[in-house]
């Protein structure tokens, strides 16, 4: 029997933002029924450097990990967009500094997970959040660049949430940065598809949507 852990932030730990039974972990558990156990380790508000603490609760019989982390790292740096600079080049330098810090943290996070779990799948950060400005989305692309590059380097499968949660209804009315029941169902379906179809032994990085 497969034992799946969900690691990261409120993309998976979205229970407080939906009705009972509508969170990602609950929907996924119902989809998989008796074929797999689902354990939620992700914590609302956590960033990449918090994940090693989540791994301390790792079940002994874990077989697969799904990781969705980085959105809160991006949120913590959004204030940089209001900082005054003298040129576009200076602005890009600031963004590159932020990207490089995230790069180190994300790489270390994936290393910590991969050392403990053989089958790992990562998620991008979705980019159709209601109310998010175009300039914030442009900065967010730098974080997704890191996620895609590191996942590809490790030959990990990727769930591209940018292509999955694309409707306003995919986001919670309580907090628009969290998945709604509709969004959680979409995310859970793709996780189930990865479990059914991906050949982890092939060491190919495949994008799932």
Protein backbone atom coordinates (compact mmCIF):
# COMPACT_ATOMS: atom_id res chain seq x y z
CA UNK A 1 0.00 0.00 0.00
CA UNK A 2 1.21 3.49 -0.83
CA UNK A 3 1.68 6.06 1.92
CA UNK A 4 1.68 9.62 0.61
CA UNK A 5 2.82 12.65 2.57
CA UNK A 6 1.84 16.20 1.63
CA UNK A 7 4.65 18.60 2.47
CA UNK A 8 4.83 22.39 2.32
CA UNK A 9 2.32 25.13 2.97
CA UNK A 10 -1.40 25.97 2.80
CA UNK A 11 -1.79 24.77 -0.78
CA UNK A 12 -2.11 21.39 0.93
CA UNK A 13 -3.00 22.59 4.44
CA UNK A 14 -6.09 24.50 3.28
CA UNK A 15 -8.57 23.05 5.78
CA UNK A 16 -9.23 26.35 7.59
CA UNK A 17 -10.31 27.98 4.30
CA UNK A 18 -12.91 25.44 3.16
CA UNK A 19 -15.77 23.44 4.61
CA UNK A 20 -15.10 20.16 6.43
CA UNK A 21 -14.17 17.42 3.96
CA UNK A 22 -13.14 19.87 1.23
CA UNK A 23 -9.40 20.19 1.92
CA UNK A 24 -6.77 18.70 -0.39
CA UNK A 25 -5.81 15.94 2.05
CA UNK A 26 -9.44 14.96 2.70
CA UNK A 27 -10.42 14.92 -0.97
CA UNK A 28 -7.28 13.00 -1.93
CA UNK A 29 -7.93 10.42 0.78
CA UNK A 30 -11.42 9.85 -0.60
CA UNK A 31 -10.11 9.56 -4.17
CA UNK A 32 -7.48 6.99 -3.27
CA UNK A 33 -9.75 5.12 -0.81
CA UNK A 34 -8.08 1.87 0.30
CA UNK A 35 -5.20 2.04 -2.20
CA UNK A 36 -3.16 4.58 -0.22
CA UNK A 37 -2.82 6.41 3.07
CA UNK A 38 -2.51 10.19 3.00
CA UNK A 39 -0.66 12.07 5.76
CA UNK A 40 -0.72 15.85 5.91
CA UNK A 41 2.60 17.32 7.07
CA UNK A 42 2.24 20.69 5.32
CA UNK A 43 1.58 23.67 7.59
CA UNK A 44 -0.28 26.84 6.67
CA UNK A 45 2.22 29.72 6.55
CA UNK A 46 5.38 27.61 6.37
CA UNK A 47 8.26 28.48 4.05
CA UNK A 48 11.03 26.34 2.56
CA UNK A 49 13.24 26.52 5.65
CA UNK A 50 10.39 25.17 7.80
CA UNK A 51 10.05 21.92 5.88
CA UNK A 52 12.86 20.02 7.70
CA UNK A 53 10.79 20.38 10.88
CA UNK A 54 7.79 18.87 9.06
CA UNK A 55 9.96 15.90 8.08
CA UNK A 56 10.53 15.07 11.75
CA UNK A 57 6.97 13.68 11.73
CA UNK A 58 7.59 11.53 8.67
CA UNK A 59 5.83 8.12 8.85
CA UNK A 60 8.14 5.11 8.76
CA UNK A 61 6.31 3.54 5.81
CA UNK A 62 6.14 6.62 3.56
CA UNK A 63 6.42 5.84 -0.16
CA UNK A 64 5.72 9.17 -1.89
CA UNK A 65 6.04 12.86 -1.11
CA UNK A 66 4.23 15.72 -2.82
CA UNK A 67 5.76 19.12 -2.15
CA UNK A 68 4.09 22.50 -2.59
CA UNK A 69 6.22 25.24 -1.09
CA UNK A 70 7.52 28.66 -2.07
CA UNK A 71 4.43 30.83 -2.17
CA UNK A 72 4.99 32.15 1.35
CA UNK A 73 8.66 32.77 0.57
CA UNK A 74 7.46 34.97 -2.28
CA UNK A 75 4.87 36.73 -0.11
CA UNK A 76 7.53 37.68 2.43
CA UNK A 77 9.48 39.54 -0.23
CA UNK A 78 6.61 41.37 -1.93
CA UNK A 79 7.52 44.61 -0.13
CA UNK A 80 10.59 44.94 -2.34
CA UNK A 81 8.29 45.97 -5.18
CA UNK A 82 7.68 49.31 -3.46
CA UNK A 83 11.35 50.07 -2.94
CA UNK A 84 12.72 53.01 -4.93
CA UNK A 85 15.64 52.37 -7.32
CA UNK A 86 17.44 54.51 -9.87
CA UNK A 87 17.17 52.15 -12.83
CA UNK A 88 15.48 49.02 -14.13
CA UNK A 89 18.85 47.31 -13.86
CA UNK A 90 19.01 48.10 -10.14
CA UNK A 91 15.51 46.70 -9.70
CA UNK A 92 16.50 43.48 -11.43
CA UNK A 93 19.56 43.17 -9.20
CA UNK A 94 17.34 43.31 -6.13
CA UNK A 95 15.07 40.63 -7.56
CA UNK A 96 18.02 38.43 -8.45
CA UNK A 97 19.29 38.66 -4.87
CA UNK A 98 15.90 37.51 -3.60
CA UNK A 99 15.77 34.72 -6.18
CA UNK A 100 19.22 33.48 -5.23
CA UNK A 101 18.34 33.29 -1.52
CA UNK A 102 15.21 31.33 -2.39
CA UNK A 103 17.26 29.13 -4.71
CA UNK A 104 19.56 28.07 -1.89
CA UNK A 105 16.66 27.42 0.48
CA UNK A 106 14.60 25.52 -2.07
CA UNK A 107 17.55 23.37 -3.14
CA UNK A 108 18.32 22.52 0.49
CA UNK A 109 14.67 21.69 1.10
CA UNK A 110 14.51 19.27 -1.83
CA UNK A 111 17.76 17.68 -0.72
CA UNK A 112 16.37 17.09 2.77
CA UNK A 113 13.20 15.52 1.35
CA UNK A 114 14.97 13.39 -1.27
CA UNK A 115 17.34 11.97 1.35
CA UNK A 116 14.36 10.58 3.27
CA UNK A 117 11.83 9.76 0.53
CA UNK A 118 12.52 8.01 -2.76
CA UNK A 119 9.52 9.18 -4.80
CA UNK A 120 9.12 12.97 -4.76
CA UNK A 121 6.88 15.23 -6.83
CA UNK A 122 7.01 19.04 -6.69
CA UNK A 123 4.39 21.69 -7.43
CA UNK A 124 4.90 25.11 -8.98
CA UNK A 125 3.34 28.19 -7.37
CA UNK A 126 0.02 29.04 -8.99
CA UNK A 127 -0.21 32.40 -10.73
CA UNK A 128 -3.90 33.20 -11.27
CA UNK A 129 -4.65 34.32 -7.71
CA UNK A 130 -7.49 36.89 -7.70
CA UNK A 131 -6.26 40.39 -6.94
CA UNK A 132 -2.57 39.74 -7.50
CA UNK A 133 -1.01 42.49 -9.63
CA UNK A 134 0.88 41.92 -12.87
CA UNK A 135 4.12 43.13 -11.34
CA UNK A 136 3.75 40.69 -8.45
CA UNK A 137 3.17 37.89 -10.95
CA UNK A 138 6.28 38.97 -12.87
CA UNK A 139 8.34 38.67 -9.68
CA UNK A 140 6.69 35.33 -8.88
CA UNK A 141 8.01 33.95 -12.16
CA UNK A 142 11.52 34.06 -10.68
CA UNK A 143 10.44 31.69 -7.91
CA UNK A 144 8.84 29.30 -10.38
CA UNK A 145 12.02 29.38 -12.45
CA UNK A 146 13.89 28.01 -9.44
CA UNK A 147 11.29 25.32 -8.76
CA UNK A 148 11.27 24.12 -12.37
CA UNK A 149 15.03 24.12 -12.71
CA UNK A 150 15.69 22.26 -9.46
CA UNK A 151 12.95 19.70 -10.10
CA UNK A 152 14.27 19.11 -13.61
CA UNK A 153 17.84 18.76 -12.37
CA UNK A 154 16.72 16.02 -9.97
CA UNK A 155 14.52 14.40 -12.67
CA UNK A 156 11.41 14.83 -10.53
CA UNK A 157 7.82 14.94 -11.81
CA UNK A 158 6.21 18.37 -11.64
CA UNK A 159 2.60 19.39 -11.01
CA UNK A 160 2.19 22.77 -12.67
CA UNK A 161 -0.43 24.53 -10.58
CA UNK A 162 -0.17 27.54 -12.91
CA UNK A 163 -2.10 25.50 -15.49
CA UNK A 164 -4.49 23.84 -13.03
CA UNK A 165 -5.86 26.57 -10.75
CA UNK A 166 -6.83 29.09 -13.43
CA UNK A 167 -10.38 30.05 -12.44
CA UNK A 168 -11.55 32.46 -9.73
CA UNK A 169 -13.55 29.58 -8.27
CA UNK A 170 -10.35 27.64 -7.64
CA UNK A 171 -9.49 30.04 -4.80
CA UNK A 172 -11.08 30.29 -1.37
CA UNK A 173 -13.47 33.17 -0.66
CA UNK A 174 -12.05 33.27 2.87
CA UNK A 175 -8.49 33.81 1.67
CA UNK A 176 -7.86 34.18 -2.07
CA UNK A 177 -4.35 32.75 -1.86
CA UNK A 178 -5.63 29.35 -0.69
CA UNK A 179 -7.33 26.66 -2.77
CA UNK A 180 -11.12 26.43 -2.58
CA UNK A 181 -12.94 23.10 -2.60
CA UNK A 182 -12.96 23.31 -6.40
CA UNK A 183 -9.23 24.03 -6.49
CA UNK A 184 -8.51 21.29 -3.96
CA UNK A 185 -10.40 18.77 -6.09
CA UNK A 186 -8.36 19.75 -9.18
CA UNK A 187 -5.08 19.48 -7.28
CA UNK A 188 -6.05 16.13 -5.76
CA UNK A 189 -7.01 14.72 -9.16
CA UNK A 190 -3.60 15.52 -10.62
CA UNK A 191 -1.84 14.02 -7.59
CA UNK A 192 -3.86 10.84 -8.13
CA UNK A 193 -2.93 10.91 -11.84
CA UNK A 194 0.77 11.15 -10.98
CA UNK A 195 0.49 8.21 -8.58
CA UNK A 196 -1.25 6.12 -11.25
CA UNK A 197 0.84 7.06 -14.27
CA UNK A 198 4.31 8.26 -13.37
CA UNK A 199 7.23 5.86 -13.56
CA UNK A 200 9.55 7.18 -10.86
CA UNK A 201 12.23 4.64 -11.78
CA UNK A 202 12.54 6.20 -15.24
CA UNK A 203 14.11 9.31 -13.70
CA UNK A 204 12.31 11.50 -16.25
CA UNK A 205 11.00 14.92 -15.25
CA UNK A 206 7.43 15.07 -16.55
CA UNK A 207 5.02 18.01 -16.17
CA UNK A 208 1.46 17.12 -15.11
CA UNK A 209 -1.52 19.44 -15.51
